[in-house]
Each structure stands twice: as structure tokens, then as C-alpha cells.
PDB file of N, CA and C in Angstrom:
ATOM      1  N   MET A   1      24.851 -38.045  -4.613  1.00  0.00           N
ATOM      2  CA  MET A   1      23.907 -37.187  -3.925  1.00  0.00           C
ATOM      3  C   MET A   1      22.739 -36.879  -4.855  1.00  0.00           C
ATOM      4  N   LYS A   2      21.595 -36.822  -4.287  1.00  0.00           N
ATOM      5  CA  LYS A   2      20.383 -36.575  -5.048  1.00  0.00           C
ATOM      6  C   LYS A   2      20.198 -35.073  -5.276  1.00  0.00           C
ATOM      7  N   ASP A   3      19.802 -34.698  -6.475  1.00  0.00           N
ATOM      8  CA  ASP A   3      19.548 -33.291  -6.799  1.00  0.00           C
ATOM      9  C   ASP A   3      18.078 -32.994  -6.503  1.00  0.00           C
ATOM     10  N   MET A   4      17.850 -32.109  -5.533  1.00  0.00           N
ATOM     11  CA  MET A   4      16.475 -31.767  -5.166  1.00  0.00           C
ATOM     12  C   MET A   4      16.172 -30.330  -5.558  1.00  0.00           C
ATOM     13  N   ASN A   5      15.065 -30.142  -6.181  1.00  0.00           N
ATOM     14  CA  ASN A   5      14.595 -28.811  -6.514  1.00  0.00           C
ATOM     15  C   ASN A   5      13.561 -28.420  -5.468  1.00  0.00           C
ATOM     16  N   ASN A   6      13.955 -27.593  -4.510  1.00  0.00           N
ATOM     17  CA  ASN A   6      13.096 -27.255  -3.381  1.00  0.00           C
ATOM     18  C   ASN A   6      12.621 -25.808  -3.452  1.00  0.00           C
ATOM     19  N   ARG A   7      12.371 -25.312  -4.652  1.00  0.00           N
ATOM     20  CA  ARG A   7      11.905 -23.933  -4.782  1.00  0.00           C
ATOM     21  C   ARG A   7      10.412 -23.848  -4.524  1.00  0.00           C
ATOM     22  N   GLN A   8      10.004 -22.781  -3.865  1.00  0.00           N
ATOM     23  CA  GLN A   8       8.579 -22.570  -3.626  1.00  0.00           C
ATOM     24  C   GLN A   8       8.064 -21.545  -4.626  1.00  0.00           C
ATOM     25  N   VAL A   9       6.859 -21.755  -5.076  1.00  0.00           N
ATOM     26  CA  VAL A   9       6.267 -20.856  -6.056  1.00  0.00           C
ATOM     27  C   VAL A   9       5.636 -19.694  -5.319  1.00  0.00           C
ATOM     28  N   ARG A  10       5.955 -18.478  -5.735  1.00  0.00           N
ATOM     29  CA  ARG A  10       5.383 -17.279  -5.137  1.00  0.00           C
ATOM     30  C   ARG A  10       4.931 -16.357  -6.253  1.00  0.00           C
ATOM     31  N   VAL A  11       3.675 -15.983  -6.211  1.00  0.00           N
ATOM     32  CA  VAL A  11       3.139 -15.058  -7.195  1.00  0.00           C
ATOM     33  C   VAL A  11       3.158 -13.672  -6.565  1.00  0.00           C
ATOM     34  N   PRO A  12       4.040 -12.796  -7.038  1.00  0.00           N
ATOM     35  CA  PRO A  12       4.128 -11.482  -6.400  1.00  0.00           C
ATOM     36  C   PRO A  12       2.920 -10.605  -6.721  1.00  0.00           C
ATOM     37  N   GLY A  13       2.598  -9.709  -5.793  1.00  0.00           N
ATOM     38  CA  GLY A  13       1.523  -8.761  -6.003  1.00  0.00           C
ATOM     39  C   GLY A  13       2.019  -7.581  -6.821  1.00  0.00           C
ATOM     40  N   PRO A  14       1.169  -6.628  -7.076  1.00  0.00           N
ATOM     41  CA  PRO A  14       1.588  -5.462  -7.860  1.00  0.00           C
ATOM     42  C   PRO A  14       2.597  -4.615  -7.082  1.00  0.00           C
ATOM     43  N   TRP A  15       3.583  -4.079  -7.774  1.00  0.00           N
ATOM     44  CA  TRP A  15       4.593  -3.236  -7.133  1.00  0.00           C
ATOM     45  C   TRP A  15       4.013  -1.863  -6.805  1.00  0.00           C
ATOM     46  N   GLU A  16       3.176  -1.368  -7.674  1.00  0.00           N
ATOM     47  CA  GLU A  16       2.610  -0.032  -7.498  1.00  0.00           C
ATOM     48  C   GLU A  16       1.131  -0.169  -7.143  1.00  0.00           C
ATOM     49  N   HIS A  17       0.689   0.616  -6.164  1.00  0.00           N
ATOM     50  CA  HIS A  17      -0.708   0.581  -5.725  1.00  0.00           C
ATOM     51  C   HIS A  17      -1.367   1.914  -6.046  1.00  0.00           C
ATOM     52  N   ASP A  18      -2.660   1.865  -6.339  1.00  0.00           N
ATOM     53  CA  ASP A  18      -3.428   3.069  -6.648  1.00  0.00           C
ATOM     54  C   ASP A  18      -3.733   3.812  -5.356  1.00  0.00           C
ATOM     55  N   ILE A  19      -3.385   5.098  -5.313  1.00  0.00           N
ATOM     56  CA  ILE A  19      -3.564   5.904  -4.101  1.00  0.00           C
ATOM     57  C   ILE A  19      -5.053   6.092  -3.788  1.00  0.00           C
ATOM     58  N   ALA A  20      -5.873   6.349  -4.802  1.00  0.00           N
ATOM     59  CA  ALA A  20      -7.302   6.578  -4.578  1.00  0.00           C
ATOM     60  C   ALA A  20      -7.965   5.329  -3.987  1.00  0.00           C
ATOM     61  N   GLU A  21      -7.611   4.165  -4.509  1.00  0.00           N
ATOM     62  CA  GLU A  21      -8.188   2.920  -4.000  1.00  0.00           C
ATOM     63  C   GLU A  21      -7.741   2.658  -2.558  1.00  0.00           C
ATOM     64  N   HIS A  22      -6.481   2.949  -2.259  1.00  0.00           N
ATOM     65  CA  HIS A  22      -5.962   2.758  -0.903  1.00  0.00           C
ATOM     66  C   HIS A  22      -6.693   3.682   0.085  1.00  0.00           C
ATOM     67  N   CYS A  23      -6.893   4.935  -0.296  1.00  0.00           N
ATOM     68  CA  CYS A  23      -7.580   5.896   0.581  1.00  0.00           C
ATOM     69  C   CYS A  23      -9.037   5.482   0.805  1.00  0.00           C
ATOM     70  N   ARG A  24      -9.685   5.003  -0.245  1.00  0.00           N
ATOM     71  CA  ARG A  24     -11.074   4.566  -0.109  1.00  0.00           C
ATOM     72  C   ARG A  24     -11.154   3.340   0.806  1.00  0.00           C
ATOM     73  N   LYS A  25     -10.200   2.438   0.689  1.00  0.00           N
ATOM     74  CA  LYS A  25     -10.197   1.211   1.484  1.00  0.00           C
ATOM     75  C   LYS A  25      -9.977   1.493   2.964  1.00  0.00           C
ATOM     76  N   PHE A  26      -9.104   2.461   3.288  1.00  0.00           N
ATOM     77  CA  PHE A  26      -8.752   2.729   4.672  1.00  0.00           C
ATOM     78  C   PHE A  26      -9.451   3.956   5.255  1.00  0.00           C
ATOM     79  N   GLY A  27     -10.400   4.551   4.532  1.00  0.00           N
ATOM     80  CA  GLY A  27     -11.200   5.642   5.067  1.00  0.00           C
ATOM     81  C   GLY A  27     -10.449   6.955   5.215  1.00  0.00           C
ATOM     82  N   ILE A  28      -9.495   7.198   4.346  1.00  0.00           N
ATOM     83  CA  ILE A  28      -8.743   8.455   4.372  1.00  0.00           C
ATOM     84  C   ILE A  28      -9.539   9.488   3.576  1.00  0.00           C
ATOM     85  N   GLY A  29      -9.676  10.696   4.120  1.00  0.00           N
ATOM     86  CA  GLY A  29     -10.500  11.734   3.517  1.00  0.00           C
ATOM     87  C   GLY A  29      -9.938  12.281   2.217  1.00  0.00           C
ATOM     88  N   PRO A  30     -10.763  13.031   1.488  1.00  0.00           N
ATOM     89  CA  PRO A  30     -10.329  13.561   0.187  1.00  0.00           C
ATOM     90  C   PRO A  30      -9.191  14.567   0.290  1.00  0.00           C
ATOM     91  N   ALA A  31      -9.117  15.332   1.372  1.00  0.00           N
ATOM     92  CA  ALA A  31      -8.022  16.298   1.504  1.00  0.00           C
ATOM     93  C   ALA A  31      -6.682  15.575   1.666  1.00  0.00           C
ATOM     94  N   GLU A  32      -6.675  14.528   2.486  1.00  0.00           N
ATOM     95  CA  GLU A  32      -5.445  13.751   2.670  1.00  0.00           C
ATOM     96  C   GLU A  32      -5.092  12.976   1.401  1.00  0.00           C
ATOM     97  N   GLU A  33      -6.116  12.504   0.696  1.00  0.00           N
ATOM     98  CA  GLU A  33      -5.878  11.805  -0.575  1.00  0.00           C
ATOM     99  C   GLU A  33      -5.207  12.747  -1.578  1.00  0.00           C
ATOM    100  N   LYS A  34      -5.663  13.975  -1.621  1.00  0.00           N
ATOM    101  CA  LYS A  34      -5.084  14.961  -2.531  1.00  0.00           C
ATOM    102  C   LYS A  34      -3.622  15.238  -2.173  1.00  0.00           C
ATOM    103  N   LYS A  35      -3.319  15.326  -0.864  1.00  0.00           N
ATOM    104  CA  LYS A  35      -1.942  15.540  -0.422  1.00  0.00           C
ATOM    105  C   LYS A  35      -1.042  14.373  -0.831  1.00  0.00           C
ATOM    106  N   LEU A  36      -1.552  13.132  -0.642  1.00  0.00           N
ATOM    107  CA  LEU A  36      -0.768  11.962  -1.020  1.00  0.00           C
ATOM    108  C   LEU A  36      -0.520  11.906  -2.529  1.00  0.00           C
ATOM    109  N   LYS A  37      -1.544  12.246  -3.315  1.00  0.00           N
ATOM    110  CA  LYS A  37      -1.376  12.248  -4.768  1.00  0.00           C
ATOM    111  C   LYS A  37      -0.373  13.298  -5.206  1.00  0.00           C
ATOM    112  N   LYS A  38      -0.391  14.451  -4.546  1.00  0.00           N
ATOM    113  CA  LYS A  38       0.560  15.510  -4.885  1.00  0.00           C
ATOM    114  C   LYS A  38       1.988  15.098  -4.519  1.00  0.00           C
ATOM    115  N   LEU A  39       2.124  14.401  -3.403  1.00  0.00           N
ATOM    116  CA  LEU A  39       3.439  13.977  -2.933  1.00  0.00           C
ATOM    117  C   LEU A  39       3.987  12.789  -3.723  1.00  0.00           C
ATOM    118  N   LEU A  40       3.143  11.768  -3.969  1.00  0.00           N
ATOM    119  CA  LEU A  40       3.625  10.507  -4.529  1.00  0.00           C
ATOM    120  C   LEU A  40       3.185  10.228  -5.957  1.00  0.00           C
ATOM    121  N   GLY A  41       2.214  10.958  -6.478  1.00  0.00           N
ATOM    122  CA  GLY A  41       1.653  10.636  -7.784  1.00  0.00           C
ATOM    123  C   GLY A  41       0.434   9.739  -7.609  1.00  0.00           C
ATOM    124  N   SER A  42      -0.126   9.265  -8.706  1.00  0.00           N
ATOM    125  CA  SER A  42      -1.348   8.467  -8.600  1.00  0.00           C
ATOM    126  C   SER A  42      -1.072   7.011  -8.233  1.00  0.00           C
ATOM    127  N   HIS A  43       0.140   6.528  -8.464  1.00  0.00           N
ATOM    128  CA  HIS A  43       0.524   5.168  -8.098  1.00  0.00           C
ATOM    129  C   HIS A  43       1.842   5.224  -7.355  1.00  0.00           C
ATOM    130  N   ALA A  44       1.971   4.403  -6.297  1.00  0.00           N
ATOM    131  CA  ALA A  44       3.196   4.377  -5.504  1.00  0.00           C
ATOM    132  C   ALA A  44       3.320   3.021  -4.811  1.00  0.00           C
ATOM    133  N   PRO A  45       4.534   2.664  -4.395  1.00  0.00           N
ATOM    134  CA  PRO A  45       4.698   1.425  -3.617  1.00  0.00           C
ATOM    135  C   PRO A  45       3.969   1.530  -2.278  1.00  0.00           C
ATOM    136  N   LEU A  46       3.525   0.401  -1.771  1.00  0.00           N
ATOM    137  CA  LEU A  46       2.725   0.369  -0.556  1.00  0.00           C
ATOM    138  C   LEU A  46       3.468   0.934   0.644  1.00  0.00           C
ATOM    139  N   HIS A  47       4.776   0.674   0.760  1.00  0.00           N
ATOM    140  CA  HIS A  47       5.508   1.158   1.927  1.00  0.00           C
ATOM    141  C   HIS A  47       5.601   2.681   1.932  1.00  0.00           C
ATOM    142  N   GLU A  48       5.641   3.314   0.760  1.00  0.00           N
ATOM    143  CA  GLU A  48       5.664   4.781   0.710  1.00  0.00           C
ATOM    144  C   GLU A  48       4.305   5.365   1.069  1.00  0.00           C
ATOM    145  N   ILE A  49       3.236   4.722   0.628  1.00  0.00           N
ATOM    146  CA  ILE A  49       1.891   5.196   0.969  1.00  0.00           C
ATOM    147  C   ILE A  49       1.683   5.120   2.480  1.00  0.00           C
ATOM    148  N   GLN A  50       2.052   3.980   3.067  1.00  0.00           N
ATOM    149  CA  GLN A  50       1.845   3.796   4.502  1.00  0.00           C
ATOM    150  C   GLN A  50       2.718   4.730   5.325  1.00  0.00           C
ATOM    151  N   ALA A  51       3.902   5.046   4.853  1.00  0.00           N
ATOM    152  CA  ALA A  51       4.792   5.927   5.596  1.00  0.00           C
ATOM    153  C   ALA A  51       4.287   7.368   5.588  1.00  0.00           C
ATOM    154  N   ASN A  52       3.540   7.753   4.563  1.00  0.00           N
ATOM    155  CA  ASN A  52       3.102   9.139   4.428  1.00  0.00           C
ATOM    156  C   ASN A  52       1.629   9.362   4.738  1.00  0.00           C
ATOM    157  N   GLN A  53       0.884   8.322   5.061  1.00  0.00           N
ATOM    158  CA  GLN A  53      -0.530   8.517   5.369  1.00  0.00           C
ATOM    159  C   GLN A  53      -0.694   9.078   6.779  1.00  0.00           C
ATOM    160  N   PRO A  54      -1.817   9.722   7.068  1.00  0.00           N
ATOM    161  CA  PRO A  54      -2.034  10.283   8.406  1.00  0.00           C
ATOM    162  C   PRO A  54      -2.185   9.173   9.440  1.00  0.00           C
ATOM    163  N   PRO A  55      -1.936   9.473  10.711  1.00  0.00           N
ATOM    164  CA  PRO A  55      -2.099   8.442  11.743  1.00  0.00           C
ATOM    165  C   PRO A  55      -3.551   7.975  11.823  1.00  0.00           C
ATOM    166  N   ARG A  56      -3.728   6.703  12.154  1.00  0.00           N
ATOM    167  CA  ARG A  56      -5.069   6.131  12.242  1.00  0.00           C
ATOM    168  C   ARG A  56      -5.777   6.620  13.496  1.00  0.00           C
ATOM    169  N   GLN A  57      -7.091   6.694  13.387  1.00  0.00           N
ATOM    170  CA  GLN A  57      -7.913   7.058  14.545  1.00  0.00           C
ATOM    171  C   GLN A  57      -7.971   5.877  15.495  1.00  0.00           C
ATOM    172  N   PRO A  58      -7.925   6.116  16.806  1.00  0.00           N
ATOM    173  CA  PRO A  58      -8.032   4.994  17.754  1.00  0.00           C
ATOM    174  C   PRO A  58      -9.431   4.391  17.733  1.00  0.00           C
ATOM    175  N   LYS A  59      -9.499   3.101  17.969  1.00  0.00           N
ATOM    176  CA  LYS A  59     -10.789   2.419  18.053  1.00  0.00           C
ATOM    177  C   LYS A  59     -11.182   2.309  19.507  1.00  0.00           C
ATOM    178  N   TRP A  60     -12.210   3.038  19.869  1.00  0.00           N
ATOM    179  CA  TRP A  60     -12.685   3.028  21.252  1.00  0.00           C
ATOM    180  C   TRP A  60     -13.653   1.885  21.463  1.00  0.00           C
ATOM    181  N   ARG A  61     -13.532   1.220  22.570  1.00  0.00           N
ATOM    182  CA  ARG A  61     -14.398   0.080  22.856  1.00  0.00           C
ATOM    183  C   ARG A  61     -15.447   0.449  23.869  1.00  0.00           C
TER     184      ARG A  61
END
């Protein structure tokens, strides 16, 4: 039997994300940014940031 190496190369992203950069990117206000920093610190995993951020505003067409 032939030995095949079928591994795929994956470059993982950063485990911890900057809260200030995330808030600036998604348009979260400074008051909510301050709450997130108090709750999670200045860096946190993305799933924790998304779970604790305020609900998004609806996009009206």
C-alpha cells in the first residue's frame, strides 16, 4: 500500500482579538466598547466578543 501524506496546510489566525479594533470595525459606540473592555479585558477570543456585543441595527432598504 502506498503511504500518502494528505495533510492540508492551514495558517491559523490570532486567538485573541483587540476589543477596540473590533468595535471600530463594526461601528460599536464608545460606551459599549468600555463595557466590553470592563467585562473581557483589552483582548479576548472572537466568540466571546461576538456573544457579548450589543445587537446589530437593522439595515433598512
